[in-house]
Protein backbone atom coordinates (compact mmCIF):
# COMPACT_ATOMS: atom_id res chain seq x y z
CA UNK A 1 -18.89 -17.39 -13.53
CA UNK A 2 -17.94 -14.93 -10.79
CA UNK A 3 -19.46 -16.77 -8.30
CA UNK A 4 -18.21 -19.95 -9.15
CA UNK A 5 -14.66 -18.37 -9.27
CA UNK A 6 -15.32 -16.85 -5.73
CA UNK A 7 -16.74 -20.05 -4.44
CA UNK A 8 -13.49 -22.15 -5.58
CA UNK A 9 -11.59 -19.19 -4.22
CA UNK A 10 -12.96 -19.51 -0.67
CA UNK A 11 -12.98 -22.91 -0.45
CA UNK A 12 -9.12 -23.45 -1.60
CA UNK A 13 -7.88 -20.45 0.68
CA UNK A 14 -9.98 -20.91 3.77
CA UNK A 15 -10.40 -24.36 4.05
CA UNK A 16 -11.80 -26.29 6.84
CA UNK A 17 -10.87 -26.10 10.45
CA UNK A 18 -9.56 -29.80 10.09
CA UNK A 19 -7.04 -28.82 7.61
CA UNK A 20 -6.01 -25.34 8.60
CA UNK A 21 -5.05 -23.81 11.92
CA UNK A 22 -5.41 -19.83 12.42
CA UNK A 23 -1.92 -19.96 13.89
CA UNK A 24 -0.43 -21.39 10.23
CA UNK A 25 2.57 -19.00 9.08
CA UNK A 26 4.43 -21.46 6.33
CA UNK A 27 4.11 -19.67 3.08
CA UNK A 28 4.29 -21.53 0.09
CA UNK A 29 7.70 -20.78 -1.80
CA UNK A 30 5.91 -19.61 -4.84
CA UNK A 31 3.95 -17.19 -2.90
CA UNK A 32 7.25 -15.66 -0.83
CA UNK A 33 8.75 -12.50 -1.74
CA UNK A 34 5.92 -10.78 -3.63
CA UNK A 35 6.85 -7.11 -3.17
CA UNK A 36 10.33 -7.77 -4.66
CA UNK A 37 8.97 -10.06 -7.46
CA UNK A 38 6.66 -7.05 -8.49
CA UNK A 39 9.07 -3.97 -7.75
CA UNK A 40 11.22 -6.00 -10.25
CA UNK A 41 8.39 -5.33 -13.05
CA UNK A 42 7.67 -1.89 -11.83
CA UNK A 43 11.22 -0.77 -12.26
CA UNK A 44 11.22 -2.24 -15.75
CA UNK A 45 8.53 -0.25 -16.97
CA UNK A 46 9.63 1.66 -20.13
CA UNK A 47 10.41 5.37 -19.77
CA UNK A 48 7.26 7.41 -20.11
CA UNK A 49 6.15 11.17 -19.26
CA UNK A 50 3.37 10.23 -16.93
CA UNK A 51 3.31 7.54 -14.38
CA UNK A 52 -0.08 6.31 -13.57
CA UNK A 53 -0.93 4.08 -10.33
CA UNK A 54 -4.06 2.70 -8.80
CA UNK A 55 -4.35 3.62 -5.08
CA UNK A 56 -6.35 1.31 -2.60
CA UNK A 57 -6.18 -0.19 0.67
CA UNK A 58 -8.42 -1.99 3.63
CA UNK A 59 -9.94 -4.71 1.54
CA UNK A 60 -10.37 -7.47 4.48
CA UNK A 61 -12.95 -9.45 4.15
CA UNK A 62 -14.41 -7.43 1.13
CA UNK A 63 -13.86 -10.13 -1.04
CA UNK A 64 -16.64 -9.58 -3.73
CA UNK A 65 -15.76 -5.72 -3.77
CA UNK A 66 -12.08 -6.07 -4.15
CA UNK A 67 -12.64 -8.75 -7.25
CA UNK A 68 -15.11 -6.36 -8.54
CA UNK A 69 -12.37 -3.49 -8.22
CA UNK A 70 -9.92 -5.38 -10.20
CA UNK A 71 -12.10 -6.67 -12.89
CA UNK A 72 -12.91 -2.96 -13.60
CA UNK A 73 -9.21 -1.71 -13.23
CA UNK A 74 -8.00 -4.53 -15.57
CA UNK A 75 -9.95 -2.32 -18.54
CA UNK A 76 -7.72 0.59 -17.71
CA UNK A 77 -4.56 0.63 -20.06
CA UNK A 78 -3.31 3.72 -18.60
CA UNK A 79 -2.62 1.98 -14.89
CA UNK A 80 1.12 0.96 -14.34
CA UNK A 81 0.69 -0.37 -11.09
CA UNK A 82 -1.29 -0.49 -8.01
CA UNK A 83 -0.18 0.92 -4.73
CA UNK A 84 -1.87 -0.91 -1.81
CA UNK A 85 -1.99 0.78 1.77
CA UNK A 86 -2.34 -1.87 3.83
CA UNK A 87 -4.86 -4.36 5.77
CA UNK A 88 -5.10 -7.02 3.36
CA UNK A 89 -6.64 -9.04 6.07
CA UNK A 90 -9.06 -8.50 9.03
CA UNK A 91 -7.32 -11.78 11.15
CA UNK A 92 -3.76 -11.65 10.01
CA UNK A 93 -4.33 -15.43 8.75
CA UNK A 94 -2.59 -17.06 6.12
CA UNK A 95 -5.89 -18.41 4.06
CA UNK A 96 -7.05 -14.42 4.06
CA UNK A 97 -3.69 -13.71 2.70
CA UNK A 98 -3.86 -16.34 0.22
CA UNK A 99 -7.41 -15.59 -0.79
CA UNK A 100 -6.56 -11.75 -1.41
CA UNK A 101 -3.35 -12.25 -3.16
CA UNK A 102 -5.34 -14.70 -5.51
CA UNK A 103 -7.50 -11.56 -6.48
CA UNK A 104 -4.67 -9.37 -6.77
CA UNK A 105 -2.87 -11.74 -9.06
CA UNK A 106 -5.74 -11.02 -11.58
CA UNK A 107 -4.54 -7.73 -12.07
CA UNK A 108 -2.60 -7.38 -15.66
CA UNK A 109 0.20 -5.19 -13.85
CA UNK A 110 2.24 -5.40 -10.61
CA UNK A 111 1.28 -4.14 -7.41
CA UNK A 112 3.19 -3.07 -4.47
CA UNK A 113 1.82 -3.50 -0.75
CA UNK A 114 2.22 -1.42 2.76
CA UNK A 115 1.52 -3.29 5.73
CA UNK A 116 -1.79 -2.43 7.57
CA UNK A 117 -2.47 -3.06 11.81
CA UNK A 118 -4.88 -5.90 11.07
CA UNK A 119 -2.27 -7.83 9.01
CA UNK A 120 -0.51 -8.18 12.45
CA UNK A 121 -3.09 -9.97 14.08
CA UNK A 122 -2.26 -13.41 15.32
CA UNK A 123 0.91 -14.46 13.23
CA UNK A 124 0.16 -12.20 10.33
CA UNK A 125 3.25 -10.04 11.00
CA UNK A 126 5.62 -12.93 10.10
CA UNK A 127 3.27 -14.28 7.34
CA UNK A 128 3.70 -10.64 5.57
CA UNK A 129 7.49 -10.63 5.90
CA UNK A 130 7.73 -14.04 4.19
CA UNK A 131 4.50 -13.31 1.62
CA UNK A 132 5.63 -9.89 0.86
CA UNK A 133 9.00 -8.61 2.54
CA UNK A 134 9.99 -5.84 4.70
CA UNK A 135 7.67 -3.53 6.17
CA UNK A 136 10.07 -0.66 5.44
CA UNK A 137 11.29 -0.05 1.89
CA UNK A 138 11.72 2.28 -0.62
CA UNK A 139 12.73 2.89 -4.62
CA UNK A 140 13.43 5.30 -7.31
CA UNK A 141 11.35 4.99 -10.31
CA UNK A 142 12.18 7.35 -13.56
CA UNK A 143 12.72 10.47 -10.91
CA UNK A 144 10.41 9.71 -8.24
CA UNK A 145 11.00 8.19 -4.79
CA UNK A 146 8.56 5.98 -3.59
CA UNK A 147 8.88 5.39 0.38
CA UNK A 148 6.63 2.58 2.07
CA UNK A 149 7.05 2.85 6.01
CA UNK A 150 5.12 0.91 8.77
CA UNK A 151 3.37 3.09 10.75
CA UNK A 152 1.19 0.98 12.93
CA UNK A 153 2.52 2.08 16.31
CA UNK A 154 -0.33 0.66 18.48
CA UNK A 155 0.79 -3.10 17.22
CA UNK A 156 4.19 -2.72 18.35
CA UNK A 157 3.00 -1.22 21.69
CA UNK A 158 4.20 2.17 20.91
CA UNK A 159 7.79 1.43 19.84
CA UNK A 160 10.18 4.34 19.59
CA UNK A 161 11.34 3.07 15.90
CA UNK A 162 7.48 2.24 14.51
CA UNK A 163 7.71 4.25 12.50
CA UNK A 164 11.40 4.22 12.15
CA UNK A 165 12.06 8.33 11.65
CA UNK A 166 15.83 7.66 11.15
CA UNK A 167 15.09 5.38 8.14
CA UNK A 168 12.52 7.68 6.90
CA UNK A 169 15.00 10.54 7.11
CA UNK A 170 17.60 8.44 5.18
CA UNK A 171 15.28 7.89 2.39
CA UNK A 172 14.45 11.49 1.81
CA UNK A 173 17.76 13.28 2.30
CA UNK A 174 19.14 12.84 -1.11
CA UNK A 175 17.14 15.30 -2.94
CA UNK A 176 19.49 16.15 -5.72
CA UNK A 177 18.58 12.71 -7.13
CA UNK A 178 14.93 12.69 -7.26
CA UNK A 179 12.33 14.98 -8.43
CA UNK A 180 9.55 14.33 -6.05
CA UNK A 181 8.46 11.88 -3.16
CA UNK A 182 5.77 9.89 -2.17
CA UNK A 183 5.13 8.30 1.05
CA UNK A 184 3.02 5.58 1.76
CA UNK A 185 1.59 3.98 5.11
CA UNK A 186 -1.18 2.63 6.61
CA UNK A 187 -2.09 4.77 9.71
CA UNK A 188 -2.02 8.49 8.92
CA UNK A 189 -0.27 10.81 11.85
CA UNK A 190 -3.33 12.26 13.21
CA UNK A 191 -5.01 8.90 14.19
CA UNK A 192 -5.02 7.34 17.71
CA UNK A 193 -3.33 4.08 16.25
CA UNK A 194 -0.13 6.17 15.44
CA UNK A 195 2.56 6.60 17.90
CA UNK A 196 1.41 9.91 19.33
CA UNK A 197 5.06 10.70 20.45
CA UNK A 198 6.45 10.31 16.90
CA UNK A 199 3.76 12.10 14.91
CA UNK A 200 5.40 15.72 14.84
CA UNK A 201 8.60 14.08 14.07
CA UNK A 202 7.15 11.51 11.26
CA UNK A 203 5.38 15.08 9.67
CA UNK A 204 8.76 17.13 9.98
CA UNK A 205 10.59 14.23 8.50
CA UNK A 206 8.38 14.38 5.40
CA UNK A 207 8.25 18.17 4.82
CA UNK A 208 11.75 18.98 5.95
CA UNK A 209 13.36 18.11 2.50
CA UNK A 210 11.02 20.00 0.18
CA UNK A 211 10.24 17.37 -2.14
CA UNK A 212 7.75 15.57 -0.73
CA UNK A 213 4.64 15.32 -3.31
CA UNK A 214 1.94 13.69 -1.20
CA UNK A 215 1.61 11.09 1.71
CA UNK A 216 -0.97 8.31 0.99
CA UNK A 217 -2.44 6.20 3.57
CA UNK A 218 -5.29 4.03 4.42
CA UNK A 219 -7.07 2.82 7.88
CA UNK A 220 -10.08 5.15 7.51
CA UNK A 221 -11.75 3.31 4.81
CA UNK A 222 -12.85 6.15 3.18
CA UNK A 223 -11.70 8.96 0.90
CA UNK A 224 -10.35 11.97 2.27
CA UNK A 225 -7.58 14.80 1.13
CA UNK A 226 -6.32 17.79 2.87
CA UNK A 227 -3.07 19.83 3.50
CA UNK A 228 -3.00 19.42 7.28
CA UNK A 229 0.48 20.31 7.75
CA UNK A 230 2.02 23.52 6.77
CA UNK A 231 0.01 23.50 3.44
CA UNK A 232 2.47 22.20 1.17
CA UNK A 233 1.85 18.45 1.06
CA UNK A 234 -1.25 16.78 0.42
CA UNK A 235 -2.37 14.01 2.69
CA UNK A 236 -4.64 11.35 0.90
CA UNK A 237 -6.56 8.69 2.61
CA UNK A 238 -7.69 6.18 0.09
CA UNK A 239 -11.06 4.41 0.19
CA UNK A 240 -11.76 0.73 0.40
CA UNK A 241 -13.08 -1.19 -2.09
CA UNK A 242 -16.09 -1.51 0.25
CA UNK A 243 -17.55 1.82 -1.18
CA UNK A 244 -16.83 0.75 -4.53
CA UNK A 245 -13.85 3.47 -5.39
CA UNK A 246 -10.49 3.79 -5.89
CA UNK A 247 -8.07 6.42 -6.84
CA UNK A 248 -5.73 6.72 -9.84
CA UNK A 249 -3.10 8.92 -9.40
CA UNK A 250 -0.53 10.24 -11.99
CA UNK A 251 2.76 11.72 -11.60
CA UNK A 252 4.92 13.40 -14.05
CA UNK A 253 8.03 15.89 -14.23
CA UNK A 254 7.49 19.43 -15.41
CA UNK A 255 9.43 21.48 -17.94
CA UNK A 256 11.67 22.75 -15.28
CA UNK A 257 12.22 19.42 -13.47
CA UNK A 258 9.74 19.77 -10.69
CA UNK A 259 7.21 17.07 -9.82
CA UNK A 260 3.67 17.35 -10.02
CA UNK A 261 0.52 14.96 -10.13
CA UNK A 262 -3.18 14.50 -10.66
CA UNK A 263 -5.65 12.49 -8.84
CA UNK A 264 -9.00 11.07 -10.08
CA UNK A 265 -11.82 9.11 -8.27
CA UNK A 266 -12.90 6.17 -9.99
CA UNK A 267 -16.36 4.55 -8.90
CA UNK A 268 -16.95 0.87 -9.98
């Protein structure tokens, strides 16, 4: 059954060179604004002591493995939503976006995406904007501040606003109104694809408010975690489904209104 599904998926999504062009950017109306639609579901979650989300990234061309991950995660009733750290596609073409979105849409819970460097190939940046929405966005969920920010500096020829430090500082400054912040981006600040001239400012913007819990990124395709700056914030690189591993992160508010979290590596 799975092989039949995958065959149909690729046939419909990738199509033939006669019907499709790699430069096609027209996103069907029903597939537009996915982050906004899914965010409405996330914000509608009933209040609970502990929020649980699945973390993954870098699924490009790993269709079988991503489908296996989705089927495995569907059985876990603790997961409230999925956070995706970017690189849904390899070449940034519409058919790749549609094929992977078809797999993600099998999840019984909503998912929220960050943009990856491969997602900008060809006309992929415009497709991402139409299908998912802004490269930078944030939201508050039950006292937690989720901040998604574009850190793909190389794709923007080292522009001075990628990442947008001013915007990031603005999202984190109102510390009285959140217990903890979670930063989600694709390229980590110590990577050659991050704008080196902005890496120190990015790190300082995250650390200075004093309430950031963790920085979550992809790009490296393998799990890693450390406290590389100032020793107070954990930087977590999520695994690609290619490695048959995803992360399950739980966050909660402690008795003294501080934020805490746990992380579990899940093999599938």
